Amino acid sequence: LAELSALCLRSKAWWGYDDEFMEACREELSLTPGDLESTAVAVLADGT
């Protein structure tokens, strides 16, 4: 979950947002154990 949350932040930052904006989005872009229980969460991966 920590790795996937970091990926969400990297992806969002790709649009050129500044650090302050990204910090404001951190909670909304983070995945939690509860998300895995209540929603469908998929990963696209090639090995690791």
ModelCIF file with pLDDT and N, C-alpha, C, O atoms, coordinates in Angstrom:
data_MODEL
#
_entry.id   MODEL 
#
_entity.id                         1 
_entity.type                       polymer 
_entity.pdbx_number_of_molecules   1 
#
_entity_poly.entity_id                      1 
_entity_poly.type                           'polypeptide(L)' 
_entity_poly.nstd_linkage                   no 
_entity_poly.nstd_monomer                   no 
_entity_poly.pdbx_seq_one_letter_code       LAELSALCLRSKAWWGYDDEFMEACREELSLTPGDLESTAVAVLADGT 
_entity_poly.pdbx_seq_one_letter_code_can   LAELSALCLRSKAWWGYDDEFMEACREELSLTPGDLESTAVAVLADGT 
_entity_poly.pdbx_strand_id                 A 
#
loop_
_entity_poly_seq.entity_id 
_entity_poly_seq.num 
_entity_poly_seq.mon_id 
_entity_poly_seq.hetero 
1 1  LEU n 
1 2  ALA n 
1 3  GLU n 
1 4  LEU n 
1 5  SER n 
1 6  ALA n 
1 7  LEU n 
1 8  CYS n 
1 9  LEU n 
1 10 ARG n 
1 11 SER n 
1 12 LYS n 
1 13 ALA n 
1 14 TRP n 
1 15 TRP n 
1 16 GLY n 
1 17 TYR n 
1 18 ASP n 
1 19 ASP n 
1 20 GLU n 
1 21 PHE n 
1 22 MET n 
1 23 GLU n 
1 24 ALA n 
1 25 CYS n 
1 26 ARG n 
1 27 GLU n 
1 28 GLU n 
1 29 LEU n 
1 30 SER n 
1 31 LEU n 
1 32 THR n 
1 33 PRO n 
1 34 GLY n 
1 35 ASP n 
1 36 LEU n 
1 37 GLU n 
1 38 SER n 
1 39 THR n 
1 40 ALA n 
1 41 VAL n 
1 42 ALA n 
1 43 VAL n 
1 44 LEU n 
1 45 ALA n 
1 46 ASP n 
1 47 GLY n 
1 48 THR n 
#
_struct_asym.id          A 
_struct_asym.entity_id   1 
#
loop_
_ma_qa_metric.id 
_ma_qa_metric.mode 
_ma_qa_metric.name 
_ma_qa_metric.software_group_id 
_ma_qa_metric.type 
1 global pLDDT . pLDDT 
2 local  pLDDT . pLDDT 
#
_ma_qa_metric_global.metric_id      1 
_ma_qa_metric_global.metric_value   95.46 
_ma_qa_metric_global.model_id       1 
_ma_qa_metric_global.ordinal_id     1 
#
loop_
_ma_qa_metric_local.label_asym_id 
_ma_qa_metric_local.label_comp_id 
_ma_qa_metric_local.label_seq_id 
_ma_qa_metric_local.metric_id 
_ma_qa_metric_local.metric_value 
_ma_qa_metric_local.model_id 
_ma_qa_metric_local.ordinal_id 
A LEU 1  2 97.00 1 1  
A ALA 2  2 97.00 1 2  
A GLU 3  2 97.00 1 3  
A LEU 4  2 97.00 1 4  
A SER 5  2 98.00 1 5  
A ALA 6  2 97.00 1 6  
A LEU 7  2 97.00 1 7  
A CYS 8  2 97.00 1 8  
A LEU 9  2 97.00 1 9  
A ARG 10 2 96.00 1 10 
A SER 11 2 96.00 1 11 
A LYS 12 2 96.00 1 12 
A ALA 13 2 96.00 1 13 
A TRP 14 2 94.00 1 14 
A TRP 15 2 94.00 1 15 
A GLY 16 2 94.00 1 16 
A TYR 17 2 95.00 1 17 
A ASP 18 2 95.00 1 18 
A ASP 19 2 95.00 1 19 
A GLU 20 2 95.00 1 20 
A PHE 21 2 95.00 1 21 
A MET 22 2 95.00 1 22 
A GLU 23 2 96.00 1 23 
A ALA 24 2 95.00 1 24 
A CYS 25 2 95.00 1 25 
A ARG 26 2 96.00 1 26 
A GLU 27 2 95.00 1 27 
A GLU 28 2 94.00 1 28 
A LEU 29 2 96.00 1 29 
A SER 30 2 97.00 1 30 
A LEU 31 2 98.00 1 31 
A THR 32 2 97.00 1 32 
A PRO 33 2 97.00 1 33 
A GLY 34 2 97.00 1 34 
A ASP 35 2 97.00 1 35 
A LEU 36 2 97.00 1 36 
A GLU 37 2 96.00 1 37 
A SER 38 2 97.00 1 38 
A THR 39 2 98.00 1 39 
A ALA 40 2 98.00 1 40 
A VAL 41 2 98.00 1 41 
A ALA 42 2 98.00 1 42 
A VAL 43 2 98.00 1 43 
A LEU 44 2 97.00 1 44 
A ALA 45 2 95.00 1 45 
A ASP 46 2 88.00 1 46 
A GLY 47 2 81.00 1 47 
A THR 48 2 81.00 1 48 
#
loop_
_atom_site.group_PDB 
_atom_site.id 
_atom_site.type_symbol 
_atom_site.label_atom_id 
_atom_site.label_alt_id 
_atom_site.label_comp_id 
_atom_site.label_asym_id 
_atom_site.label_entity_id 
_atom_site.label_seq_id 
_atom_site.pdbx_PDB_ins_code 
_atom_site.Cartn_x 
_atom_site.Cartn_y 
_atom_site.Cartn_z 
_atom_site.occupancy 
_atom_site.B_iso_or_equiv 
_atom_site.pdbx_formal_charge 
_atom_site.auth_seq_id 
_atom_site.auth_comp_id 
_atom_site.auth_asym_id 
_atom_site.auth_atom_id 
_atom_site.pdbx_PDB_model_num 
ATOM 1   N N  . LEU A 1 1  ? 0.812   -1.221 0.000   1.00 97.00 ? 1  LEU A N  1 
ATOM 2   C CA . LEU A 1 1  ? 0.000   0.000  0.000   1.00 97.00 ? 1  LEU A CA 1 
ATOM 3   C C  . LEU A 1 1  ? 0.841   1.265  0.000   1.00 97.00 ? 1  LEU A C  1 
ATOM 4   O O  . LEU A 1 1  ? 0.494   2.229  -0.682  1.00 97.00 ? 1  LEU A O  1 
ATOM 5   N N  . ALA A 1 2  ? 1.935   1.286  0.746   1.00 97.00 ? 2  ALA A N  1 
ATOM 6   C CA . ALA A 1 2  ? 2.802   2.474  0.757   1.00 97.00 ? 2  ALA A CA 1 
ATOM 7   C C  . ALA A 1 2  ? 3.402   2.702  -0.629  1.00 97.00 ? 2  ALA A C  1 
ATOM 8   O O  . ALA A 1 2  ? 3.460   3.841  -1.093  1.00 97.00 ? 2  ALA A O  1 
ATOM 9   N N  . GLU A 1 3  ? 3.844   1.650  -1.287  1.00 97.00 ? 3  GLU A N  1 
ATOM 10  C CA . GLU A 1 3  ? 4.414   1.761  -2.637  1.00 97.00 ? 3  GLU A CA 1 
ATOM 11  C C  . GLU A 1 3  ? 3.365   2.253  -3.630  1.00 97.00 ? 3  GLU A C  1 
ATOM 12  O O  . GLU A 1 3  ? 3.660   3.098  -4.475  1.00 97.00 ? 3  GLU A O  1 
ATOM 13  N N  . LEU A 1 4  ? 2.140   1.729  -3.531  1.00 97.00 ? 4  LEU A N  1 
ATOM 14  C CA . LEU A 1 4  ? 1.080   2.128  -4.455  1.00 97.00 ? 4  LEU A CA 1 
ATOM 15  C C  . LEU A 1 4  ? 0.656   3.570  -4.208  1.00 97.00 ? 4  LEU A C  1 
ATOM 16  O O  . LEU A 1 4  ? 0.370   4.303  -5.155  1.00 97.00 ? 4  LEU A O  1 
ATOM 17  N N  . SER A 1 5  ? 0.612   3.984  -2.940  1.00 98.00 ? 5  SER A N  1 
ATOM 18  C CA . SER A 1 5  ? 0.282   5.370  -2.621  1.00 98.00 ? 5  SER A CA 1 
ATOM 19  C C  . SER A 1 5  ? 1.343   6.314  -3.174  1.00 98.00 ? 5  SER A C  1 
ATOM 20  O O  . SER A 1 5  ? 1.014   7.382  -3.690  1.00 98.00 ? 5  SER A O  1 
ATOM 21  N N  . ALA A 1 6  ? 2.609   5.929  -3.070  1.00 97.00 ? 6  ALA A N  1 
ATOM 22  C CA . ALA A 1 6  ? 3.702   6.737  -3.628  1.00 97.00 ? 6  ALA A CA 1 
ATOM 23  C C  . ALA A 1 6  ? 3.576   6.832  -5.147  1.00 97.00 ? 6  ALA A C  1 
ATOM 24  O O  . ALA A 1 6  ? 3.855   7.882  -5.725  1.00 97.00 ? 6  ALA A O  1 
ATOM 25  N N  . LEU A 1 7  ? 3.160   5.747  -5.795  1.00 97.00 ? 7  LEU A N  1 
ATOM 26  C CA . LEU A 1 7  ? 2.947   5.763  -7.239  1.00 97.00 ? 7  LEU A CA 1 
ATOM 27  C C  . LEU A 1 7  ? 1.848   6.752  -7.593  1.00 97.00 ? 7  LEU A C  1 
ATOM 28  O O  . LEU A 1 7  ? 1.984   7.509  -8.555  1.00 97.00 ? 7  LEU A O  1 
ATOM 29  N N  . CYS A 1 8  ? 0.757   6.758  -6.828  1.00 97.00 ? 8  CYS A N  1 
ATOM 30  C CA . CYS A 1 8  ? -0.328  7.711  -7.082  1.00 97.00 ? 8  CYS A CA 1 
ATOM 31  C C  . CYS A 1 8  ? 0.189   9.150  -7.009  1.00 97.00 ? 8  CYS A C  1 
ATOM 32  O O  . CYS A 1 8  ? -0.150  9.978  -7.854  1.00 97.00 ? 8  CYS A O  1 
ATOM 33  N N  . LEU A 1 9  ? 0.993   9.438  -6.015  1.00 97.00 ? 9  LEU A N  1 
ATOM 34  C CA . LEU A 1 9  ? 1.549   10.784 -5.872  1.00 97.00 ? 9  LEU A CA 1 
ATOM 35  C C  . LEU A 1 9  ? 2.498   11.133 -7.017  1.00 97.00 ? 9  LEU A C  1 
ATOM 36  O O  . LEU A 1 9  ? 2.453   12.251 -7.531  1.00 97.00 ? 9  LEU A O  1 
ATOM 37  N N  . ARG A 1 10 ? 3.358   10.194 -7.425  1.00 96.00 ? 10 ARG A N  1 
ATOM 38  C CA . ARG A 1 10 ? 4.266   10.445 -8.567  1.00 96.00 ? 10 ARG A CA 1 
ATOM 39  C C  . ARG A 1 10 ? 3.471   10.713 -9.835  1.00 96.00 ? 10 ARG A C  1 
ATOM 40  O O  . ARG A 1 10 ? 3.806   11.604 -10.615 1.00 96.00 ? 10 ARG A O  1 
ATOM 41  N N  . SER A 1 11 ? 2.425   9.941  -10.028 1.00 96.00 ? 11 SER A N  1 
ATOM 42  C CA . SER A 1 11 ? 1.607   10.092 -11.221 1.00 96.00 ? 11 SER A CA 1 
ATOM 43  C C  . SER A 1 11 ? 0.901   11.449 -11.235 1.00 96.00 ? 11 SER A C  1 
ATOM 44  O O  . SER A 1 11 ? 0.870   12.125 -12.263 1.00 96.00 ? 11 SER A O  1 
ATOM 45  N N  . LYS A 1 12 ? 0.341   11.842 -10.102 1.00 96.00 ? 12 LYS A N  1 
ATOM 46  C CA . LYS A 1 12 ? -0.337  13.143 -10.006 1.00 96.00 ? 12 LYS A CA 1 
ATOM 47  C C  . LYS A 1 12 ? 0.655   14.285 -10.240 1.00 96.00 ? 12 LYS A C  1 
ATOM 48  O O  . LYS A 1 12 ? 0.342   15.262 -10.920 1.00 96.00 ? 12 LYS A O  1 
ATOM 49  N N  . ALA A 1 13 ? 1.853   14.151 -9.669  1.00 96.00 ? 13 ALA A N  1 
ATOM 50  C CA . ALA A 1 13 ? 2.878   15.182 -9.802  1.00 96.00 ? 13 ALA A CA 1 
ATOM 51  C C  . ALA A 1 13 ? 3.331   15.351 -11.247 1.00 96.00 ? 13 ALA A C  1 
ATOM 52  O O  . ALA A 1 13 ? 3.853   16.406 -11.608 1.00 96.00 ? 13 ALA A O  1 
ATOM 53  N N  . TRP A 1 14 ? 3.143   14.339 -12.071 1.00 94.00 ? 14 TRP A N  1 
ATOM 54  C CA . TRP A 1 14 ? 3.526   14.387 -13.479 1.00 94.00 ? 14 TRP A CA 1 
ATOM 55  C C  . TRP A 1 14 ? 2.865   15.578 -14.188 1.00 94.00 ? 14 TRP A C  1 
ATOM 56  O O  . TRP A 1 14 ? 3.394   16.089 -15.175 1.00 94.00 ? 14 TRP A O  1 
ATOM 57  N N  . TRP A 1 15 ? 1.698   16.017 -13.674 1.00 94.00 ? 15 TRP A N  1 
ATOM 58  C CA . TRP A 1 15 ? 0.982   17.139 -14.286 1.00 94.00 ? 15 TRP A CA 1 
ATOM 59  C C  . TRP A 1 15 ? 1.598   18.480 -13.920 1.00 94.00 ? 15 TRP A C  1 
ATOM 60  O O  . TRP A 1 15 ? 1.101   19.518 -14.355 1.00 94.00 ? 15 TRP A O  1 
ATOM 61  N N  . GLY A 1 16 ? 2.674   18.486 -13.128 1.00 94.00 ? 16 GLY A N  1 
ATOM 62  C CA . GLY A 1 16 ? 3.393   19.723 -12.850 1.00 94.00 ? 16 GLY A CA 1 
ATOM 63  C C  . GLY A 1 16 ? 2.959   20.460 -11.591 1.00 94.00 ? 16 GLY A C  1 
ATOM 64  O O  . GLY A 1 16 ? 3.279   21.638 -11.431 1.00 94.00 ? 16 GLY A O  1 
ATOM 65  N N  . TYR A 1 17 ? 2.245   19.802 -10.702 1.00 95.00 ? 17 TYR A N  1 
ATOM 66  C CA . TYR A 1 17 ? 1.818   20.453 -9.465  1.00 95.00 ? 17 TYR A CA 1 
ATOM 67  C C  . TYR A 1 17 ? 2.996   20.676 -8.527  1.00 95.00 ? 17 TYR A C  1 
ATOM 68  O O  . TYR A 1 17 ? 3.954   19.903 -8.528  1.00 95.00 ? 17 TYR A O  1 
ATOM 69  N N  . ASP A 1 18 ? 2.920   21.743 -7.721  1.00 95.00 ? 18 ASP A N  1 
ATOM 70  C CA . ASP A 1 18 ? 4.001   22.041 -6.786  1.00 95.00 ? 18 ASP A CA 1 
ATOM 71  C C  . ASP A 1 18 ? 3.889   21.199 -5.517  1.00 95.00 ? 18 ASP A C  1 
ATOM 72  O O  . ASP A 1 18 ? 2.900   20.496 -5.309  1.00 95.00 ? 18 ASP A O  1 
ATOM 73  N N  . ASP A 1 19 ? 4.912   21.280 -4.680  1.00 95.00 ? 19 ASP A N  1 
ATOM 74  C CA . ASP A 1 19 ? 4.979   20.457 -3.469  1.00 95.00 ? 19 ASP A CA 1 
ATOM 75  C C  . ASP A 1 19 ? 3.813   20.721 -2.518  1.00 95.00 ? 19 ASP A C  1 
ATOM 76  O O  . ASP A 1 19 ? 3.285   19.788 -1.913  1.00 95.00 ? 19 ASP A O  1 
ATOM 77  N N  . GLU A 1 20 ? 3.414   21.967 -2.383  1.00 95.00 ? 20 GLU A N  1 
ATOM 78  C CA . GLU A 1 20 ? 2.309   22.307 -1.482  1.00 95.00 ? 20 GLU A CA 1 
ATOM 79  C C  . GLU A 1 20 ? 1.008   21.652 -1.948  1.00 95.00 ? 20 GLU A C  1 
ATOM 80  O O  . GLU A 1 20 ? 0.258   21.097 -1.146  1.00 95.00 ? 20 GLU A O  1 
ATOM 81  N N  . PHE A 1 21 ? 0.755   21.724 -3.241  1.00 95.00 ? 21 PHE A N  1 
ATOM 82  C CA . PHE A 1 21 ? -0.437  21.098 -3.810  1.00 95.00 ? 21 PHE A CA 1 
ATOM 83  C C  . PHE A 1 21 ? -0.405  19.589 -3.581  1.00 95.00 ? 21 PHE A C  1 
ATOM 84  O O  . PHE A 1 21 ? -1.401  18.988 -3.179  1.00 95.00 ? 21 PHE A O  1 
ATOM 85  N N  . MET A 1 22 ? 0.748   18.993 -3.841  1.00 95.00 ? 22 MET A N  1 
ATOM 86  C CA . MET A 1 22 ? 0.876   17.540 -3.697  1.00 95.00 ? 22 MET A CA 1 
ATOM 87  C C  . MET A 1 22 ? 0.676   17.105 -2.246  1.00 95.00 ? 22 MET A C  1 
ATOM 88  O O  . MET A 1 22 ? 0.064   16.070 -1.984  1.00 95.00 ? 22 MET A O  1 
ATOM 89  N N  . GLU A 1 23 ? 1.184   17.885 -1.322  1.00 96.00 ? 23 GLU A N  1 
ATOM 90  C CA . GLU A 1 23 ? 1.001   17.545 0.097   1.00 96.00 ? 23 GLU A CA 1 
ATOM 91  C C  . GLU A 1 23 ? -0.477  17.612 0.469   1.00 96.00 ? 23 GLU A C  1 
ATOM 92  O O  . GLU A 1 23 ? -0.957  16.793 1.251   1.00 96.00 ? 23 GLU A O  1 
ATOM 93  N N  . ALA A 1 24 ? -1.196  18.580 -0.085  1.00 95.00 ? 24 ALA A N  1 
ATOM 94  C CA . ALA A 1 24 ? -2.630  18.698 0.180   1.00 95.00 ? 24 ALA A CA 1 
ATOM 95  C C  . ALA A 1 24 ? -3.406  17.501 -0.361  1.00 95.00 ? 24 ALA A C  1 
ATOM 96  O O  . ALA A 1 24 ? -4.483  17.180 0.142   1.00 95.00 ? 24 ALA A O  1 
ATOM 97  N N  . CYS A 1 25 ? -2.867  16.840 -1.383  1.00 95.00 ? 25 CYS A N  1 
ATOM 98  C CA . CYS A 1 25 ? -3.524  15.682 -2.008  1.00 95.00 ? 25 CYS A CA 1 
ATOM 99  C C  . CYS A 1 25 ? -3.114  14.344 -1.394  1.00 95.00 ? 25 CYS A C  1 
ATOM 100 O O  . CYS A 1 25 ? -3.714  13.314 -1.701  1.00 95.00 ? 25 CYS A O  1 
ATOM 101 N N  . ARG A 1 26 ? -2.109  14.350 -0.538  1.00 96.00 ? 26 ARG A N  1 
ATOM 102 C CA . ARG A 1 26 ? -1.521  13.103 -0.029  1.00 96.00 ? 26 ARG A CA 1 
ATOM 103 C C  . ARG A 1 26 ? -2.567  12.144 0.543   1.00 96.00 ? 26 ARG A C  1 
ATOM 104 O O  . ARG A 1 26 ? -2.595  10.972 0.170   1.00 96.00 ? 26 ARG A O  1 
ATOM 105 N N  . GLU A 1 27 ? -3.416  12.621 1.434   1.00 95.00 ? 27 GLU A N  1 
ATOM 106 C CA . GLU A 1 27 ? -4.386  11.734 2.075   1.00 95.00 ? 27 GLU A CA 1 
ATOM 107 C C  . GLU A 1 27 ? -5.353  11.131 1.056   1.00 95.00 ? 27 GLU A C  1 
ATOM 108 O O  . GLU A 1 27 ? -5.626  9.930  1.084   1.00 95.00 ? 27 GLU A O  1 
ATOM 109 N N  . GLU A 1 28 ? -5.864  11.965 0.164   1.00 94.00 ? 28 GLU A N  1 
ATOM 110 C CA . GLU A 1 28 ? -6.826  11.492 -0.831  1.00 94.00 ? 28 GLU A CA 1 
ATOM 111 C C  . GLU A 1 28 ? -6.197  10.483 -1.801  1.00 94.00 ? 28 GLU A C  1 
ATOM 112 O O  . GLU A 1 28 ? -6.888  9.592  -2.296  1.00 94.00 ? 28 GLU A O  1 
ATOM 113 N N  . LEU A 1 29 ? -4.917  10.613 -2.068  1.00 96.00 ? 29 LEU A N  1 
ATOM 114 C CA . LEU A 1 29 ? -4.251  9.732  -3.027  1.00 96.00 ? 29 LEU A CA 1 
ATOM 115 C C  . LEU A 1 29 ? -3.651  8.490  -2.387  1.00 96.00 ? 29 LEU A C  1 
ATOM 116 O O  . LEU A 1 29 ? -3.101  7.640  -3.089  1.00 96.00 ? 29 LEU A O  1 
ATOM 117 N N  . SER A 1 30 ? -3.748  8.371  -1.078  1.00 97.00 ? 30 SER A N  1 
ATOM 118 C CA . SER A 1 30 ? -3.174  7.215  -0.379  1.00 97.00 ? 30 SER A CA 1 
ATOM 119 C C  . SER A 1 30 ? -4.191  6.081  -0.279  1.00 97.00 ? 30 SER A C  1 
ATOM 120 O O  . SER A 1 30 ? -5.389  6.309  -0.109  1.00 97.00 ? 30 SER A O  1 
ATOM 121 N N  . LEU A 1 31 ? -3.689  4.871  -0.388  1.00 98.00 ? 31 LEU A N  1 
ATOM 122 C CA . LEU A 1 31 ? -4.513  3.668  -0.243  1.00 98.00 ? 31 LEU A CA 1 
ATOM 123 C C  . LEU A 1 31 ? -4.331  3.109  1.160   1.00 98.00 ? 31 LEU A C  1 
ATOM 124 O O  . LEU A 1 31 ? -3.235  3.151  1.719   1.00 98.00 ? 31 LEU A O  1 
ATOM 125 N N  . THR A 1 32 ? -5.415  2.584  1.723   1.00 97.00 ? 32 THR A N  1 
ATOM 126 C CA . THR A 1 32 ? -5.404  2.050  3.079   1.00 97.00 ? 32 THR A CA 1 
ATOM 127 C C  . THR A 1 32 ? -5.863  0.596  3.089   1.00 97.00 ? 32 THR A C  1 
ATOM 128 O O  . THR A 1 32 ? -6.453  0.134  2.113   1.00 97.00 ? 32 THR A O  1 
ATOM 129 N N  . PRO A 1 33 ? -5.608  -0.128 4.166   1.00 97.00 ? 33 PRO A N  1 
ATOM 130 C CA . PRO A 1 33 ? -6.138  -1.488 4.271   1.00 97.00 ? 33 PRO A CA 1 
ATOM 131 C C  . PRO A 1 33 ? -7.662  -1.520 4.109   1.00 97.00 ? 33 PRO A C  1 
ATOM 132 O O  . PRO A 1 33 ? -8.207  -2.464 3.537   1.00 97.00 ? 33 PRO A O  1 
ATOM 133 N N  . GLY A 1 34 ? -8.342  -0.495 4.610   1.00 97.00 ? 34 GLY A N  1 
ATOM 134 C CA . GLY A 1 34 ? -9.796  -0.426 4.446   1.00 97.00 ? 34 GLY A CA 1 
ATOM 135 C C  . GLY A 1 34 ? -10.225 -0.369 2.989   1.00 97.00 ? 34 GLY A C  1 
ATOM 136 O O  . GLY A 1 34 ? -11.275 -0.901 2.627   1.00 97.00 ? 34 GLY A O  1 
ATOM 137 N N  . ASP A 1 35 ? -9.413  0.281  2.146   1.00 97.00 ? 35 ASP A N  1 
ATOM 138 C CA . ASP A 1 35 ? -9.720  0.331  0.713   1.00 97.00 ? 35 ASP A CA 1 
ATOM 139 C C  . ASP A 1 35 ? -9.735  -1.071 0.116   1.00 97.00 ? 35 ASP A C  1 
ATOM 140 O O  . ASP A 1 35 ? -10.569 -1.380 -0.735  1.00 97.00 ? 35 ASP A O  1 
ATOM 141 N N  . LEU A 1 36 ? -8.818  -1.911 0.558   1.00 97.00 ? 36 LEU A N  1 
ATOM 142 C CA . LEU A 1 36 ? -8.760  -3.281 0.033   1.00 97.00 ? 36 LEU A CA 1 
ATOM 143 C C  . LEU A 1 36 ? -9.963  -4.099 0.467   1.00 97.00 ? 36 LEU A C  1 
ATOM 144 O O  . LEU A 1 36 ? -10.355 -5.046 -0.215  1.00 97.00 ? 36 LEU A O  1 
ATOM 145 N N  . GLU A 1 37 ? -10.546 -3.736 1.596   1.00 96.00 ? 37 GLU A N  1 
ATOM 146 C CA . GLU A 1 37 ? -11.715 -4.457 2.101   1.00 96.00 ? 37 GLU A CA 1 
ATOM 147 C C  . GLU A 1 37 ? -13.016 -3.979 1.462   1.00 96.00 ? 37 GLU A C  1 
ATOM 148 O O  . GLU A 1 37 ? -13.931 -4.777 1.258   1.00 96.00 ? 37 GLU A O  1 
ATOM 149 N N  . SER A 1 38 ? -13.112 -2.693 1.145   1.00 97.00 ? 38 SER A N  1 
ATOM 150 C CA . SER A 1 38 ? -14.385 -2.128 0.703   1.00 97.00 ? 38 SER A CA 1 
ATOM 151 C C  . SER A 1 38 ? -14.483 -1.830 -0.787  1.00 97.00 ? 38 SER A C  1 
ATOM 152 O O  . SER A 1 38 ? -15.575 -1.564 -1.289  1.00 97.00 ? 38 SER A O  1 
ATOM 153 N N  . THR A 1 39 ? -13.363 -1.870 -1.501  1.00 98.00 ? 39 THR A N  1 
ATOM 154 C CA . THR A 1 39 ? -13.357 -1.556 -2.928  1.00 98.00 ? 39 THR A CA 1 
ATOM 155 C C  . THR A 1 39 ? -12.484 -2.568 -3.669  1.00 98.00 ? 39 THR A C  1 
ATOM 156 O O  . THR A 1 39 ? -11.755 -3.344 -3.050  1.00 98.00 ? 39 THR A O  1 
ATOM 157 N N  . ALA A 1 40 ? -12.565 -2.551 -4.974  1.00 98.00 ? 40 ALA A N  1 
ATOM 158 C CA . ALA A 1 40 ? -11.688 -3.380 -5.804  1.00 98.00 ? 40 ALA A CA 1 
ATOM 159 C C  . ALA A 1 40 ? -10.466 -2.552 -6.167  1.00 98.00 ? 40 ALA A C  1 
ATOM 160 O O  . ALA A 1 40 ? -10.586 -1.469 -6.738  1.00 98.00 ? 40 ALA A O  1 
ATOM 161 N N  . VAL A 1 41 ? -9.284  -3.070 -5.831  1.00 98.00 ? 41 VAL A N  1 
ATOM 162 C CA . VAL A 1 41 ? -8.032  -2.368 -6.120  1.00 98.00 ? 41 VAL A CA 1 
ATOM 163 C C  . VAL A 1 41 ? -7.137  -3.322 -6.905  1.00 98.00 ? 41 VAL A C  1 
ATOM 164 O O  . VAL A 1 41 ? -6.827  -4.421 -6.446  1.00 98.00 ? 41 VAL A O  1 
ATOM 165 N N  . ALA A 1 42 ? -6.733  -2.889 -8.083  1.00 98.00 ? 42 ALA A N  1 
ATOM 166 C CA . ALA A 1 42 ? -5.900  -3.720 -8.951  1.00 98.00 ? 42 ALA A CA 1 
ATOM 167 C C  . ALA A 1 42 ? -4.563  -3.057 -9.219  1.00 98.00 ? 42 ALA A C  1 
ATOM 168 O O  . ALA A 1 42 ? -4.440  -1.832 -9.242  1.00 98.00 ? 42 ALA A O  1 
ATOM 169 N N  . VAL A 1 43 ? -3.565  -3.907 -9.420  1.00 98.00 ? 43 VAL A N  1 
ATOM 170 C CA . VAL A 1 43 ? -2.216  -3.476 -9.742  1.00 98.00 ? 43 VAL A CA 1 
ATOM 171 C C  . VAL A 1 43 ? -1.861  -4.031 -11.111 1.00 98.00 ? 43 VAL A C  1 
ATOM 172 O O  . VAL A 1 43 ? -2.123  -5.200 -11.394 1.00 98.00 ? 43 VAL A O  1 
ATOM 173 N N  . LEU A 1 44 ? -1.271  -3.211 -11.954 1.00 97.00 ? 44 LEU A N  1 
ATOM 174 C CA . LEU A 1 44 ? -0.732  -3.658 -13.224 1.00 97.00 ? 44 LEU A CA 1 
ATOM 175 C C  . LEU A 1 44 ? 0.773   -3.745 -13.051 1.00 97.00 ? 44 LEU A C  1 
ATOM 176 O O  . LEU A 1 44 ? 1.433   -2.742 -12.779 1.00 97.00 ? 44 LEU A O  1 
ATOM 177 N N  . ALA A 1 45 ? 1.317   -4.950 -13.210 1.00 95.00 ? 45 ALA A N  1 
ATOM 178 C CA . ALA A 1 45 ? 2.749   -5.146 -12.942 1.00 95.00 ? 45 ALA A CA 1 
ATOM 179 C C  . ALA A 1 45 ? 3.358   -6.125 -13.921 1.00 95.00 ? 45 ALA A C  1 
ATOM 180 O O  . ALA A 1 45 ? 2.682   -6.973 -14.502 1.00 95.00 ? 45 ALA A O  1 
ATOM 181 N N  . ASP A 1 46 ? 4.647   -5.977 -14.080 1.00 88.00 ? 46 ASP A N  1 
ATOM 182 C CA . ASP A 1 46 ? 5.461   -6.901 -14.852 1.00 88.00 ? 46 ASP A CA 1 
ATOM 183 C C  . ASP A 1 46 ? 6.474   -7.463 -13.867 1.00 88.00 ? 46 ASP A C  1 
ATOM 184 O O  . ASP A 1 46 ? 7.536   -6.880 -13.650 1.00 88.00 ? 46 ASP A O  1 
ATOM 185 N N  . GLY A 1 47 ? 6.133   -8.600 -13.276 1.00 81.00 ? 47 GLY A N  1 
ATOM 186 C CA . GLY A 1 47 ? 6.978   -9.138 -12.218 1.00 81.00 ? 47 GLY A CA 1 
ATOM 187 C C  . GLY A 1 47 ? 6.901   -8.235 -11.008 1.00 81.00 ? 47 GLY A C  1 
ATOM 188 O O  . GLY A 1 47 ? 5.822   -8.044 -10.448 1.00 81.00 ? 47 GLY A O  1 
ATOM 189 N N  . THR A 1 48 ? 8.023   -7.676 -10.595 1.00 81.00 ? 48 THR A N  1 
ATOM 190 C CA . THR A 1 48 ? 8.041   -6.798 -9.425  1.00 81.00 ? 48 THR A CA 1 
ATOM 191 C C  . THR A 1 48 ? 7.899   -5.329 -9.792  1.00 81.00 ? 48 THR A C  1 
ATOM 192 O O  . THR A 1 48 ? 7.898   -4.470 -8.910  1.00 81.00 ? 48 THR A O  1 
#
